[in-house]
Amino acid sequence: MAASAALFFCAQLAQAKPYAFVTNQSDDSVTVIDTDGNKVVTTIKAGSKPSGVAVSGDGSVVLISNPASKDVTVLDGNKLKIIGTIKVGEGPLGVAIDQTGKRGYVADWYEHYVSVIDIPKMKVIAKIPVGKSPSGIEVSLDGKRIYVANRDSDSVSVIDAPTLKVVATRKVGKHPFGITLDETHHRLYTANVISNDITVLDSKTLRPVTTIAVGERPYAIAVAGGGKWVMVTNQYDDTVSIINAETLKVVNTLDVGEYPEGIATHPDDRRVYVANWFSNTVSVIDALKQKPLQTIPVGDGTRAFGRFIPSQ
């Protein structure tokens, strides 16, 4: 009976999709949420002070940045097991994975470069100098461009993936942290934590489109509803600003947990998940109805900086 129950539980884990992978910085763990029922299914120990997270498009590979242990934890997103640890630079923070799930990118906050990881080989294959204190990273769907927010340079760097060279740099608002690519509208958004606004760039040309004032200390950004809604976490306001992507105006502000940080969109393109650092919770928002749906208790010091839910 016990063996049958164990097999049944394992089968449930294998079938539950997709998972949200939420980093808990204060207890060195990753909470895994089954988004079908918004239930916590397990908690996995990571490195020291896990912060950034990236999930491959199909959910099979997860990268976790651990700034204090100066490494990246690699998880099997299906088996929910650690499969490796990769030493990187002095301050790994933002992470991203291309659509193949074979190449990862890690921003090093202290050494001002991006580490390029060959995921199958579990090793760093290149280091690309960018601006000062790089934080958020995005990869284009075709894998050809990597966009990096450089917090202390007030800029965005664009890396050409085939050559691993910086091909463009653009000034944005003051202290950009989160960065998100909206390929529907060919736009790039940065959350500028000191100027309290969002810079909107044309993702192809890097030309400025506009600047949008939001709440206090905007941190991270997600896009939902077929590219119609841009959602921004505001750390000091405990809110999420909702921007209409057509008009580029703030149309609503929702209360969430205390000190919201990471934000990610579910593959249904409707539900948006928000990690609340000081509340130790994840808020679930209906982006179309623009209202909170649920609050999920997780670990201690919830950050989840990055795309912590697969896109498929």
Protein backbone atom coordinates (compact mmCIF):
# COMPACT_ATOMS: atom_id res chain seq x y z
CA MET A 1 0.00 0.00 0.00
CA ALA A 2 2.81 2.41 0.92
CA ALA A 3 4.61 1.66 -2.34
CA SER A 4 1.41 2.23 -4.32
CA ALA A 5 0.81 5.52 -2.55
CA ALA A 6 4.36 6.63 -3.28
CA LEU A 7 3.97 5.74 -6.95
CA PHE A 8 0.68 7.65 -7.10
CA PHE A 9 2.28 10.71 -5.49
CA CYS A 10 5.18 10.59 -7.95
CA ALA A 11 2.74 10.31 -10.84
CA GLN A 12 0.88 13.36 -9.55
CA LEU A 13 4.12 15.32 -9.42
CA ALA A 14 5.00 14.26 -12.96
CA GLN A 15 1.61 15.30 -14.33
CA ALA A 16 1.15 18.58 -12.46
CA LYS A 17 2.00 21.45 -14.79
CA PRO A 18 3.25 24.05 -14.89
CA TYR A 19 5.25 24.75 -11.76
CA ALA A 20 6.22 28.13 -10.36
CA PHE A 21 9.69 28.18 -8.80
CA VAL A 22 9.91 30.79 -6.06
CA THR A 23 13.23 31.65 -4.41
CA ASN A 24 13.20 32.26 -0.65
CA GLN A 25 16.34 34.21 0.18
CA SER A 26 16.15 34.04 3.98
CA ASP A 27 15.85 30.26 4.27
CA ASP A 28 17.99 29.25 1.27
CA SER A 29 15.21 27.43 -0.51
CA VAL A 30 12.97 27.26 -3.56
CA THR A 31 9.24 26.75 -3.12
CA VAL A 32 7.58 24.83 -5.96
CA ILE A 33 3.94 25.70 -6.63
CA ASP A 34 1.64 23.60 -8.81
CA THR A 35 -0.19 26.40 -10.62
CA ASP A 36 -3.06 24.10 -11.61
CA GLY A 37 -4.33 24.28 -8.04
CA ASN A 38 -1.98 26.93 -6.62
CA LYS A 39 -0.70 24.49 -4.02
CA VAL A 40 2.86 24.13 -2.74
CA VAL A 41 4.11 20.68 -3.75
CA THR A 42 7.63 20.76 -2.34
CA THR A 43 10.47 22.93 -1.09
CA ILE A 44 14.01 22.42 -2.38
CA LYS A 45 17.19 23.58 -0.65
CA ALA A 46 19.30 25.81 -2.89
CA GLY A 47 22.58 27.66 -2.40
CA SER A 48 23.12 30.58 -0.05
CA LYS A 49 20.65 33.49 -0.32
CA PRO A 50 18.90 32.43 -3.57
CA SER A 51 17.48 35.38 -5.45
CA GLY A 52 17.24 35.16 -9.23
CA VAL A 53 15.42 32.43 -11.12
CA ALA A 54 14.85 31.42 -14.73
CA VAL A 55 12.79 28.57 -16.15
CA SER A 56 13.16 27.17 -19.67
CA GLY A 57 10.18 27.50 -21.97
CA ASP A 58 9.10 23.89 -21.46
CA GLY A 59 9.79 23.97 -17.72
CA SER A 60 12.43 21.24 -17.83
CA VAL A 61 15.39 23.36 -16.68
CA VAL A 62 15.53 25.85 -13.81
CA LEU A 63 18.46 28.09 -12.89
CA ILE A 64 18.70 29.68 -9.43
CA SER A 65 21.26 32.38 -8.64
CA ASN A 66 22.80 32.25 -5.16
CA PRO A 67 24.65 35.53 -4.47
CA ALA A 68 26.13 34.51 -1.11
CA SER A 69 27.54 31.15 -2.27
CA LYS A 70 28.54 32.68 -5.63
CA ASP A 71 27.00 29.95 -7.71
CA VAL A 72 23.99 28.82 -9.71
CA THR A 73 21.83 25.85 -8.75
CA VAL A 74 20.50 23.80 -11.68
CA LEU A 75 17.20 22.00 -11.15
CA ASP A 76 15.42 19.37 -13.22
CA GLY A 77 12.07 21.10 -13.53
CA ASN A 78 10.19 17.85 -14.10
CA LYS A 79 11.73 15.67 -11.40
CA LEU A 80 12.12 18.63 -9.01
CA LYS A 81 15.66 17.59 -8.17
CA ILE A 82 18.99 19.43 -8.08
CA ILE A 83 21.17 18.16 -10.92
CA GLY A 84 24.15 20.46 -10.55
CA THR A 85 25.83 23.55 -9.14
CA ILE A 86 27.89 25.92 -11.27
CA LYS A 87 30.39 28.37 -9.80
CA VAL A 88 30.11 31.81 -11.35
CA GLY A 89 31.31 35.28 -10.31
CA GLU A 90 31.21 37.26 -7.09
CA GLY A 91 27.57 38.37 -7.17
CA PRO A 92 25.20 36.38 -9.40
CA LEU A 93 21.75 37.96 -9.55
CA GLY A 94 19.57 38.06 -12.67
CA VAL A 95 19.37 34.87 -14.73
CA ALA A 96 17.82 33.91 -18.06
CA ILE A 97 17.56 30.82 -20.25
CA ASP A 98 17.14 30.72 -24.01
CA GLN A 99 14.26 28.81 -25.60
CA THR A 100 16.40 25.74 -26.27
CA GLY A 101 17.06 25.32 -22.56
CA LYS A 102 20.73 24.76 -23.35
CA ARG A 103 22.23 28.18 -22.71
CA GLY A 104 21.91 30.29 -19.58
CA TYR A 105 22.95 33.85 -18.79
CA VAL A 106 23.81 35.20 -15.34
CA ALA A 107 24.32 38.86 -14.41
CA ASP A 108 27.16 39.44 -11.95
CA TRP A 109 26.28 42.39 -9.73
CA TYR A 110 29.81 42.92 -8.38
CA GLU A 111 32.04 42.06 -11.32
CA HIS A 112 29.94 43.82 -13.98
CA TYR A 113 29.71 41.07 -16.54
CA VAL A 114 27.34 38.39 -17.81
CA SER A 115 28.39 34.76 -17.44
CA VAL A 116 27.31 32.47 -20.28
CA ILE A 117 26.51 28.92 -19.19
CA ASP A 118 26.46 25.77 -21.30
CA ILE A 119 23.70 24.05 -19.34
CA PRO A 120 24.19 20.44 -20.59
CA LYS A 121 27.91 20.67 -19.79
CA MET A 122 27.27 22.56 -16.53
CA LYS A 123 30.02 25.09 -17.07
CA VAL A 124 30.68 28.77 -17.79
CA ILE A 125 31.86 29.19 -21.38
CA ALA A 126 32.23 32.99 -21.58
CA LYS A 127 32.11 36.21 -19.58
CA ILE A 128 30.85 39.37 -21.29
CA PRO A 129 31.62 42.81 -19.79
CA VAL A 130 28.54 45.04 -19.59
CA GLY A 131 27.62 48.09 -17.49
CA LYS A 132 27.91 48.54 -13.74
CA SER A 133 25.89 46.26 -11.46
CA PRO A 134 23.91 44.30 -14.06
CA SER A 135 20.65 42.96 -12.65
CA GLY A 136 17.77 41.83 -14.88
CA ILE A 137 18.30 39.84 -18.09
CA GLU A 138 16.00 38.94 -20.98
CA VAL A 139 16.60 36.73 -24.02
CA SER A 140 14.71 37.19 -27.28
CA LEU A 141 12.53 34.29 -28.41
CA ASP A 142 14.88 33.52 -31.29
CA GLY A 143 17.81 33.49 -28.87
CA LYS A 144 19.80 36.01 -30.88
CA ARG A 145 19.73 38.94 -28.47
CA ILE A 146 20.29 39.27 -24.73
CA TYR A 147 19.12 42.43 -22.98
CA VAL A 148 20.75 43.45 -19.68
CA ALA A 149 19.70 46.17 -17.22
CA ASN A 150 22.77 47.86 -15.71
CA ARG A 151 21.60 49.38 -12.43
CA ASP A 152 24.53 51.64 -11.57
CA SER A 153 25.18 52.71 -15.17
CA ASP A 154 21.52 53.70 -15.75
CA SER A 155 21.64 51.79 -19.00
CA VAL A 156 20.68 48.72 -21.02
CA SER A 157 23.25 46.59 -22.85
CA VAL A 158 22.34 44.45 -25.85
CA ILE A 159 24.44 41.34 -26.46
CA ASP A 160 24.59 39.51 -29.79
CA ALA A 161 24.26 35.85 -28.79
CA PRO A 162 26.14 34.28 -31.74
CA THR A 163 29.23 36.44 -31.17
CA LEU A 164 28.78 37.09 -27.42
CA LYS A 165 29.60 40.76 -27.96
CA VAL A 166 27.83 43.89 -26.74
CA VAL A 167 26.41 45.54 -29.85
CA ALA A 168 24.46 48.45 -28.33
CA THR A 169 23.99 50.42 -25.12
CA ARG A 170 21.16 52.82 -24.28
CA LYS A 171 20.65 55.14 -21.32
CA VAL A 172 17.35 54.68 -19.48
CA GLY A 173 15.93 55.89 -16.15
CA LYS A 174 17.76 56.02 -12.84
CA HIS A 175 18.88 52.61 -11.58
CA PRO A 176 17.10 50.13 -13.87
CA PHE A 177 16.63 46.75 -12.20
CA GLY A 178 13.95 44.59 -13.80
CA ILE A 179 13.79 44.28 -17.59
CA THR A 180 11.13 42.65 -19.76
CA LEU A 181 10.81 42.08 -23.49
CA ASP A 182 7.39 42.36 -25.18
CA GLU A 183 7.85 40.83 -28.62
CA THR A 184 4.22 41.48 -29.59
CA HIS A 185 4.83 45.23 -29.63
CA HIS A 186 8.62 45.09 -30.17
CA ARG A 187 9.16 46.85 -26.87
CA LEU A 188 11.63 46.64 -24.05
CA TYR A 189 10.65 47.79 -20.56
CA THR A 190 12.96 48.65 -17.66
CA ALA A 191 11.86 49.24 -14.07
CA ASN A 192 13.87 52.17 -12.71
CA VAL A 193 13.97 51.92 -8.92
CA ILE A 194 15.21 55.45 -8.15
CA SER A 195 13.34 57.53 -10.76
CA ASN A 196 10.14 55.56 -9.99
CA ASP A 197 9.26 55.00 -13.61
CA ILE A 198 9.33 52.60 -16.53
CA THR A 199 11.45 53.30 -19.59
CA VAL A 200 9.93 52.00 -22.83
CA LEU A 201 12.32 51.31 -25.72
CA ASP A 202 11.86 49.95 -29.22
CA SER A 203 13.44 46.51 -28.82
CA LYS A 204 14.81 46.46 -32.37
CA THR A 205 16.35 49.93 -32.53
CA LEU A 206 16.64 50.78 -28.80
CA ARG A 207 15.07 54.14 -29.56
CA PRO A 208 13.15 55.64 -26.62
CA VAL A 209 9.36 55.39 -26.90
CA THR A 210 8.25 56.99 -23.63
CA THR A 211 8.66 57.04 -19.86
CA ILE A 212 5.79 56.02 -17.56
CA ALA A 213 5.55 57.10 -13.92
CA VAL A 214 4.47 54.26 -11.63
CA GLY A 215 4.65 53.55 -7.87
CA GLU A 216 7.56 53.92 -5.51
CA ARG A 217 10.60 51.79 -6.25
CA PRO A 218 9.41 49.72 -9.22
CA TYR A 219 11.31 46.47 -9.32
CA ALA A 220 10.16 43.93 -11.91
CA ILE A 221 7.82 43.71 -14.91
CA ALA A 222 5.62 41.11 -16.61
CA VAL A 223 3.41 41.26 -19.71
CA ALA A 224 0.02 39.51 -19.91
CA GLY A 225 -3.21 39.34 -21.91
CA GLY A 226 -1.67 38.92 -25.34
CA GLY A 227 0.67 41.82 -24.70
CA LYS A 228 -2.15 44.16 -23.66
CA TRP A 229 -1.19 44.60 -20.00
CA VAL A 230 2.18 45.50 -18.50
CA MET A 231 2.36 44.67 -14.79
CA VAL A 232 4.93 46.34 -12.50
CA THR A 233 5.78 45.53 -8.87
CA ASN A 234 6.31 48.59 -6.65
CA GLN A 235 8.36 47.60 -3.59
CA TYR A 236 7.70 50.56 -1.30
CA ASP A 237 3.98 50.86 -2.13
CA ASP A 238 3.12 47.15 -1.78
CA THR A 239 1.33 47.41 -5.11
CA VAL A 240 1.31 46.35 -8.75
CA SER A 241 0.80 49.02 -11.41
CA ILE A 242 -1.11 47.94 -14.52
CA ILE A 243 -0.21 49.70 -17.77
CA ASN A 244 -2.22 49.55 -20.98
CA ALA A 245 0.36 48.58 -23.61
CA GLU A 246 -1.52 50.40 -26.37
CA THR A 247 -1.87 53.77 -24.63
CA LEU A 248 1.20 53.34 -22.38
CA LYS A 249 -0.80 54.76 -19.47
CA VAL A 250 -1.29 53.38 -15.96
CA VAL A 251 -4.92 52.25 -15.77
CA ASN A 252 -5.03 50.51 -12.40
CA THR A 253 -3.08 49.84 -9.23
CA LEU A 254 -3.61 46.70 -7.14
CA ASP A 255 -2.64 46.03 -3.54
CA VAL A 256 -0.57 42.89 -3.05
CA GLY A 257 1.69 41.65 -0.23
CA GLU A 258 4.43 43.56 1.52
CA TYR A 259 7.48 44.52 -0.57
CA PRO A 260 6.61 42.81 -3.87
CA GLU A 261 9.56 41.84 -6.02
CA GLY A 262 9.44 39.13 -8.70
CA ILE A 263 6.49 38.90 -11.07
CA ALA A 264 5.75 36.31 -13.76
CA THR A 265 2.93 35.42 -16.15
CA HIS A 266 1.34 31.97 -16.34
CA PRO A 267 1.21 30.26 -19.78
CA ASP A 268 -2.55 30.91 -19.84
CA ASP A 269 -1.50 34.57 -20.32
CA ARG A 270 -4.08 35.59 -17.76
CA ARG A 271 -2.80 34.74 -14.30
CA VAL A 272 0.11 36.74 -12.95
CA TYR A 273 2.11 35.66 -9.89
CA VAL A 274 3.80 38.16 -7.56
CA ALA A 275 6.46 37.29 -4.95
CA ASN A 276 6.07 39.36 -1.76
CA TRP A 277 9.40 39.45 0.06
CA PHE A 278 8.33 40.70 3.51
CA SER A 279 4.99 38.84 3.55
CA ASN A 280 6.52 35.48 2.59
CA THR A 281 3.69 34.97 0.13
CA VAL A 282 2.85 34.83 -3.56
CA SER A 283 -0.13 36.84 -4.80
CA VAL A 284 -2.08 35.56 -7.80
CA ILE A 285 -3.71 38.21 -10.00
CA ASP A 286 -6.27 37.90 -12.79
CA ALA A 287 -4.75 40.28 -15.33
CA LEU A 288 -7.89 40.47 -17.48
CA LYS A 289 -10.26 41.29 -14.62
CA GLN A 290 -7.47 43.21 -12.87
CA LYS A 291 -8.13 41.79 -9.44
CA PRO A 292 -6.30 39.60 -6.91
CA LEU A 293 -7.39 35.95 -6.86
CA GLN A 294 -5.42 34.24 -4.14
CA THR A 295 -2.48 34.44 -1.73
CA ILE A 296 -0.12 31.47 -1.32
CA PRO A 297 2.17 31.16 1.74
CA VAL A 298 5.71 30.17 0.76
CA GLY A 299 9.18 30.38 2.37
CA ASP A 300 11.03 33.13 4.19
CA GLY A 301 12.23 36.12 2.18
CA THR A 302 10.38 35.51 -1.08
CA ARG A 303 12.11 37.18 -4.04
CA ALA A 304 11.76 35.19 -7.29
CA PHE A 305 13.54 37.76 -9.47
CA GLY A 306 13.10 36.58 -13.06
CA ARG A 307 10.77 34.46 -15.17
CA PHE A 308 9.91 31.88 -12.52
CA ILE A 309 7.11 30.18 -14.49
CA PRO A 310 7.65 28.46 -17.88
CA SER A 311 6.16 30.13 -20.94
CA GLN A 312 4.62 26.95 -22.39
